[in-house]
Each structure stands twice: as C-alpha cells, then as structure tokens.
C-alpha cells in the first residue's frame, strides 16, 4: 500500500504499512487476512492538503490562546520584568486574540486583518465578561 500523503507530517508510518509483529502473528488467520486486505482508500487520503495545514494552524493557535488565558488568570514570569501578575478582567476573546496575531504578522495578511478589524470593530472591542471567561476556561480545561 502507498503511504498516505499526510504520513510525513502526522505519522511516521501508516499502521496499515506496518508488518505484523509481536503477538499479532497469533491472530486468527481470517482476521490477519482482513487486516492485510483492508482498503487503501482511507478518508485520511481524501483530505485537502491546504485544509489540513489550515486546521493544524488553528490547533496551534488554540494552544497559544490557552496559554494566554492561563497567564491572564495566574500571572507569569518575564525575563526582563520578573513576575507579571495576571489580570483576568483583561482577557480578550479568541476572535480578538486571533486577529491580533494576524495583525502582528504584518505583510499582506496583517493589513487584511487590520481592515477586517476596523470594519467589525464592535465585535472586537472590550474584554470578555466574567461569565464568558468562565466558559472559556471550562472549554480550554483550565482550572
């Protein structure tokens, strides 16, 4: 079987490409045959590479947002300034966080983000309410 076009970035080796090792040779013959005869057309092979890259980027961005929310809640150590006390009342929404990152990138995507921000300023102004902050913490599994 050919390896998935995503096997490089996501997996070292497709499970289907691996040889039966260990106690797998003790499997019933009919099950071994089913494993070896599994169809090569997996849903993972049908994912658009651009979409997969975009999804992976969003997952990383959510991780950065989670770190940001934790810092706003608990505070953090800064090399230059020492301990920075957290201020939960200044936590921004994920949308505002994401657009801030785009603006910080600069270039074409940054200028596009600035235009979007000014066209939808009401959506991004202010900080989250206490209720929304609690929901975000719960959604990000932050205690």
C-alpha atoms as a PDB file:
ATOM      1  CA  UNK A   1       0.000   0.000   0.000  1.00  0.00           C
ATOM      2  CA  UNK A   2       1.169   3.528  -0.698  1.00  0.00           C
ATOM      3  CA  UNK A   3       1.661   5.699   2.347  1.00  0.00           C
ATOM      4  CA  UNK A   4      -0.845   8.467   2.871  1.00  0.00           C
ATOM      5  CA  UNK A   5       0.171  11.856   1.525  1.00  0.00           C
ATOM      6  CA  UNK A   6      -0.074  13.044   5.144  1.00  0.00           C
ATOM      7  CA  UNK A   7       2.035  10.281   6.646  1.00  0.00           C
ATOM      8  CA  UNK A   8       5.116  12.521   6.811  1.00  0.00           C
ATOM      9  CA  UNK A   9       3.837  15.373   8.926  1.00  0.00           C
ATOM     10  CA  UNK A  10       1.346  13.424  11.034  1.00  0.00           C
ATOM     11  CA  UNK A  11       2.616   9.866  11.331  1.00  0.00           C
ATOM     12  CA  UNK A  12       5.975   8.205  10.954  1.00  0.00           C
ATOM     13  CA  UNK A  13       4.416   5.159   9.315  1.00  0.00           C
ATOM     14  CA  UNK A  14       0.860   4.226   8.457  1.00  0.00           C
ATOM     15  CA  UNK A  15      -0.462   1.399  10.659  1.00  0.00           C
ATOM     16  CA  UNK A  16      -1.515  -0.434   7.504  1.00  0.00           C
ATOM     17  CA  UNK A  17       2.075  -0.282   6.176  1.00  0.00           C
ATOM     18  CA  UNK A  18       3.476  -1.871   9.318  1.00  0.00           C
ATOM     19  CA  UNK A  19       4.241  -5.556   9.325  1.00  0.00           C
ATOM     20  CA  UNK A  20       2.506  -7.836  11.770  1.00  0.00           C
ATOM     21  CA  UNK A  21       4.866  -8.055  14.726  1.00  0.00           C
ATOM     22  CA  UNK A  22       4.856  -9.283  18.282  1.00  0.00           C
ATOM     23  CA  UNK A  23       1.845 -11.397  19.169  1.00  0.00           C
ATOM     24  CA  UNK A  24      -0.037 -10.277  16.069  1.00  0.00           C
ATOM     25  CA  UNK A  25       1.086 -13.428  14.319  1.00  0.00           C
ATOM     26  CA  UNK A  26      -1.120 -15.283  16.810  1.00  0.00           C
ATOM     27  CA  UNK A  27      -4.242 -13.602  15.444  1.00  0.00           C
ATOM     28  CA  UNK A  28      -6.740 -15.878  13.724  1.00  0.00           C
ATOM     29  CA  UNK A  29      -5.933 -16.281  10.026  1.00  0.00           C
ATOM     30  CA  UNK A  30      -9.242 -14.740   8.933  1.00  0.00           C
ATOM     31  CA  UNK A  31      -8.503 -11.580  10.972  1.00  0.00           C
ATOM     32  CA  UNK A  32      -4.959 -11.350   9.561  1.00  0.00           C
ATOM     33  CA  UNK A  33      -6.394 -11.590   6.049  1.00  0.00           C
ATOM     34  CA  UNK A  34      -8.927  -8.841   6.786  1.00  0.00           C
ATOM     35  CA  UNK A  35      -6.188  -6.584   8.123  1.00  0.00           C
ATOM     36  CA  UNK A  36      -3.973  -7.173   5.109  1.00  0.00           C
ATOM     37  CA  UNK A  37      -6.905  -6.808   2.691  1.00  0.00           C
ATOM     38  CA  UNK A  38      -8.094  -3.505   4.194  1.00  0.00           C
ATOM     39  CA  UNK A  39      -8.981  -0.930   1.529  1.00  0.00           C
ATOM     40  CA  UNK A  40      -6.258   1.509   0.596  1.00  0.00           C
ATOM     41  CA  UNK A  41      -8.738   4.343   0.084  1.00  0.00           C
ATOM     42  CA  UNK A  42      -8.866   5.792   3.576  1.00  0.00           C
ATOM     43  CA  UNK A  43     -10.769   9.016   4.414  1.00  0.00           C
ATOM     44  CA  UNK A  44      -7.410  10.423   5.552  1.00  0.00           C
ATOM     45  CA  UNK A  45      -6.213  10.207   1.950  1.00  0.00           C
ATOM     46  CA  UNK A  46      -9.096  12.410   0.799  1.00  0.00           C
ATOM     47  CA  UNK A  47      -8.288  15.459   2.956  1.00  0.00           C
ATOM     48  CA  UNK A  48      -7.268  18.550   1.030  1.00  0.00           C
ATOM     49  CA  UNK A  49      -3.637  19.359   1.996  1.00  0.00           C
ATOM     50  CA  UNK A  50      -4.392  23.093   2.246  1.00  0.00           C
ATOM     51  CA  UNK A  51      -7.299  22.396   4.605  1.00  0.00           C
ATOM     52  CA  UNK A  52      -5.155  20.041   6.708  1.00  0.00           C
ATOM     53  CA  UNK A  53      -2.462  22.718   7.009  1.00  0.00           C
ATOM     54  CA  UNK A  54      -5.045  25.348   7.974  1.00  0.00           C
ATOM     55  CA  UNK A  55      -6.589  23.023  10.582  1.00  0.00           C
ATOM     56  CA  UNK A  56      -3.161  22.269  12.078  1.00  0.00           C
ATOM     57  CA  UNK A  57      -2.501  26.017  12.291  1.00  0.00           C
ATOM     58  CA  UNK A  58      -5.790  26.594  14.127  1.00  0.00           C
ATOM     59  CA  UNK A  59      -4.986  23.818  16.591  1.00  0.00           C
ATOM     60  CA  UNK A  60      -1.644  25.508  17.361  1.00  0.00           C
ATOM     61  CA  UNK A  61      -3.395  28.870  17.684  1.00  0.00           C
ATOM     62  CA  UNK A  62      -5.883  27.420  20.172  1.00  0.00           C
ATOM     63  CA  UNK A  63      -2.910  26.143  22.180  1.00  0.00           C
ATOM     64  CA  UNK A  64      -1.402  29.646  22.217  1.00  0.00           C
ATOM     65  CA  UNK A  65      -4.771  31.084  23.277  1.00  0.00           C
ATOM     66  CA  UNK A  66      -4.986  28.545  26.093  1.00  0.00           C
ATOM     67  CA  UNK A  67      -1.526  29.621  27.304  1.00  0.00           C
ATOM     68  CA  UNK A  68      -2.581  33.282  27.081  1.00  0.00           C
ATOM     69  CA  UNK A  69      -5.731  32.665  29.154  1.00  0.00           C
ATOM     70  CA  UNK A  70      -3.717  30.785  31.799  1.00  0.00           C
ATOM     71  CA  UNK A  71      -1.251  33.685  32.005  1.00  0.00           C
ATOM     72  CA  UNK A  72      -4.111  36.151  32.371  1.00  0.00           C
ATOM     73  CA  UNK A  73      -5.535  34.049  35.203  1.00  0.00           C
ATOM     74  CA  UNK A  74      -2.408  33.112  37.137  1.00  0.00           C
ATOM     75  CA  UNK A  75       0.297  35.547  36.049  1.00  0.00           C
ATOM     76  CA  UNK A  76       3.696  34.584  34.630  1.00  0.00           C
ATOM     77  CA  UNK A  77       7.451  35.151  34.885  1.00  0.00           C
ATOM     78  CA  UNK A  78       9.055  37.523  32.421  1.00  0.00           C
ATOM     79  CA  UNK A  79      12.844  37.569  31.970  1.00  0.00           C
ATOM     80  CA  UNK A  80      13.077  41.361  31.992  1.00  0.00           C
ATOM     81  CA  UNK A  81      10.268  42.347  34.358  1.00  0.00           C
ATOM     82  CA  UNK A  82      10.056  39.412  36.758  1.00  0.00           C
ATOM     83  CA  UNK A  83       6.631  38.165  37.817  1.00  0.00           C
ATOM     84  CA  UNK A  84       3.725  39.723  35.930  1.00  0.00           C
ATOM     85  CA  UNK A  85       0.514  39.485  37.920  1.00  0.00           C
ATOM     86  CA  UNK A  86      -2.426  38.101  35.939  1.00  0.00           C
ATOM     87  CA  UNK A  87      -5.498  40.234  35.348  1.00  0.00           C
ATOM     88  CA  UNK A  88      -8.458  38.025  34.330  1.00  0.00           C
ATOM     89  CA  UNK A  89     -10.603  41.093  33.647  1.00  0.00           C
ATOM     90  CA  UNK A  90      -8.340  41.917  30.681  1.00  0.00           C
ATOM     91  CA  UNK A  91      -8.813  38.568  28.921  1.00  0.00           C
ATOM     92  CA  UNK A  92      -9.818  39.012  25.283  1.00  0.00           C
ATOM     93  CA  UNK A  93     -11.981  36.673  23.204  1.00  0.00           C
ATOM     94  CA  UNK A  94     -10.439  34.102  20.879  1.00  0.00           C
ATOM     95  CA  UNK A  95     -11.555  36.152  17.857  1.00  0.00           C
ATOM     96  CA  UNK A  96      -9.756  39.235  19.135  1.00  0.00           C
ATOM     97  CA  UNK A  97      -6.699  37.142  20.043  1.00  0.00           C
ATOM     98  CA  UNK A  98      -6.617  35.592  16.555  1.00  0.00           C
ATOM     99  CA  UNK A  99      -6.948  38.915  14.766  1.00  0.00           C
ATOM    100  CA  UNK A 100      -4.222  40.408  16.976  1.00  0.00           C
ATOM    101  CA  UNK A 101      -1.879  37.619  15.925  1.00  0.00           C
ATOM    102  CA  UNK A 102      -2.691  38.239  12.252  1.00  0.00           C
ATOM    103  CA  UNK A 103      -2.033  41.966  12.644  1.00  0.00           C
ATOM    104  CA  UNK A 104       1.272  41.220  14.407  1.00  0.00           C
ATOM    105  CA  UNK A 105       2.396  39.058  11.460  1.00  0.00           C
ATOM    106  CA  UNK A 106       2.330  42.139   9.267  1.00  0.00           C
ATOM    107  CA  UNK A 107       2.528  41.952   5.497  1.00  0.00           C
ATOM    108  CA  UNK A 108      -0.468  41.103   3.357  1.00  0.00           C
ATOM    109  CA  UNK A 109      -2.291  39.030   5.988  1.00  0.00           C
ATOM    110  CA  UNK A 110      -1.645  41.689   8.638  1.00  0.00           C
ATOM    111  CA  UNK A 111      -3.069  44.516   6.546  1.00  0.00           C
ATOM    112  CA  UNK A 112      -6.065  42.369   5.649  1.00  0.00           C
ATOM    113  CA  UNK A 113      -6.611  41.701   9.367  1.00  0.00           C
ATOM    114  CA  UNK A 114      -6.406  45.433  10.178  1.00  0.00           C
ATOM    115  CA  UNK A 115      -9.041  46.211   7.535  1.00  0.00           C
ATOM    116  CA  UNK A 116     -11.255  43.425   8.895  1.00  0.00           C
ATOM    117  CA  UNK A 117     -10.791  44.709  12.448  1.00  0.00           C
ATOM    118  CA  UNK A 118     -11.869  48.244  11.575  1.00  0.00           C
ATOM    119  CA  UNK A 119     -14.822  47.007   9.508  1.00  0.00           C
ATOM    120  CA  UNK A 120     -16.030  44.904  12.505  1.00  0.00           C
ATOM    121  CA  UNK A 121     -14.688  46.933  15.431  1.00  0.00           C
ATOM    122  CA  UNK A 122     -17.778  46.430  17.616  1.00  0.00           C
ATOM    123  CA  UNK A 123     -17.213  42.676  17.550  1.00  0.00           C
ATOM    124  CA  UNK A 124     -13.649  43.019  18.858  1.00  0.00           C
ATOM    125  CA  UNK A 125     -13.884  45.924  21.313  1.00  0.00           C
ATOM    126  CA  UNK A 126     -13.666  45.478  25.071  1.00  0.00           C
ATOM    127  CA  UNK A 127     -12.871  42.454  27.166  1.00  0.00           C
ATOM    128  CA  UNK A 128     -14.859  39.331  27.952  1.00  0.00           C
ATOM    129  CA  UNK A 129     -17.385  39.313  30.768  1.00  0.00           C
ATOM    130  CA  UNK A 130     -16.772  37.136  33.828  1.00  0.00           C
ATOM    131  CA  UNK A 131     -19.374  34.663  32.571  1.00  0.00           C
ATOM    132  CA  UNK A 132     -17.684  34.302  29.174  1.00  0.00           C
ATOM    133  CA  UNK A 133     -14.255  33.991  30.810  1.00  0.00           C
ATOM    134  CA  UNK A 134     -15.505  31.098  32.958  1.00  0.00           C
ATOM    135  CA  UNK A 135     -16.945  29.393  29.860  1.00  0.00           C
ATOM    136  CA  UNK A 136     -13.639  29.826  28.012  1.00  0.00           C
ATOM    137  CA  UNK A 137     -11.665  28.406  30.950  1.00  0.00           C
ATOM    138  CA  UNK A 138     -14.003  25.439  31.112  1.00  0.00           C
ATOM    139  CA  UNK A 139     -13.787  24.891  27.339  1.00  0.00           C
ATOM    140  CA  UNK A 140      -9.978  25.048  27.437  1.00  0.00           C
ATOM    141  CA  UNK A 141      -9.891  22.812  30.523  1.00  0.00           C
ATOM    142  CA  UNK A 142      -8.150  25.429  32.681  1.00  0.00           C
ATOM    143  CA  UNK A 143      -8.639  25.261  36.447  1.00  0.00           C
END
